[in-house]
Amino acid sequence: MFKYDFHIHSKYSRDSETPLKDILRAAKNKNLNGIAICDHDEVKGGLKALEIVKENPGKYGDLVVIPGTEVSTSKGHILVLGVTEKIPSFMTPEETTDYARDLNAISIIAHPYRSSAHGIGYLKGAGADAAETFNSKCITSGSNKKARMEAEKIGMPQVGGSDAHIAELVGQGYTLVNIEVNTQENVFDAILRGKTVPAGENTPAGIIINQMKKNVVRRTRLIMSGNLKEF
């Protein structure tokens, strides 16, 4: 089994200031086998992190970096793994997952029932490959529990992620991937086959509240500058 965090935000995301090298060091220190950088409506972070690892062989162990993005759809957020180009924002969830499939990417419904973080509110019919049924930033277990129950009901593959916006929370939520050889191709195959187990611990409420305060300040600046792009 290999340990992956499929939901991490970097300084390339509008709601994070975390340097990529801090994320990579944290991933190594927490014995992760792989990560996915999924910045909001942006792919630069994942691609740059992949470049850093390739340019520094061995420095971050055998860490596999999967470039990704967290796409803002018309109803909420969807993670897309394995992309090298930006995906248009504000399409429907169904259009977004179709778009991802055309790119041979993996689509995951992020925190489906966490309304405070733009969960789309449903799984069936969205066309996604998997559901994030453990998101460590859920203060209570209710939304994660509902996501797990709904995924089990329809036989949908499940993953977990930290939704980390700071390096210290990388790996707080994760996915155990049942593969023998650690490659992106094998990881994607395991997700599609449901050979994954979500796990982790909830982020302490104090850290979440502190991040929410910072986001209010950041969003206010974006609104004032006319650069707020998220509903």
Foldseek 3Di string as FASTA:
>chain_A
DAKEAEAEEDCVALQFDHHLVLQLQLCLVVRHQEYEHAHAQDQVSQVVSQVVCVVPPCPSHNYYGWTWYWAAALQFTKIKTRDDDGDDHHHHLQVRLVVSVVVVIAIEQELQCPVVHRRNPADPPSNGQAYALAEQAPQDNVSSVVRVVRCVVVVHAYWHHDNYRYNNSGPQKIKDFPDDDDDPVSRVVSRNVNRIDIDHHHDPPVVSVVSVVVVVVSVVVCVVVVNDDHD
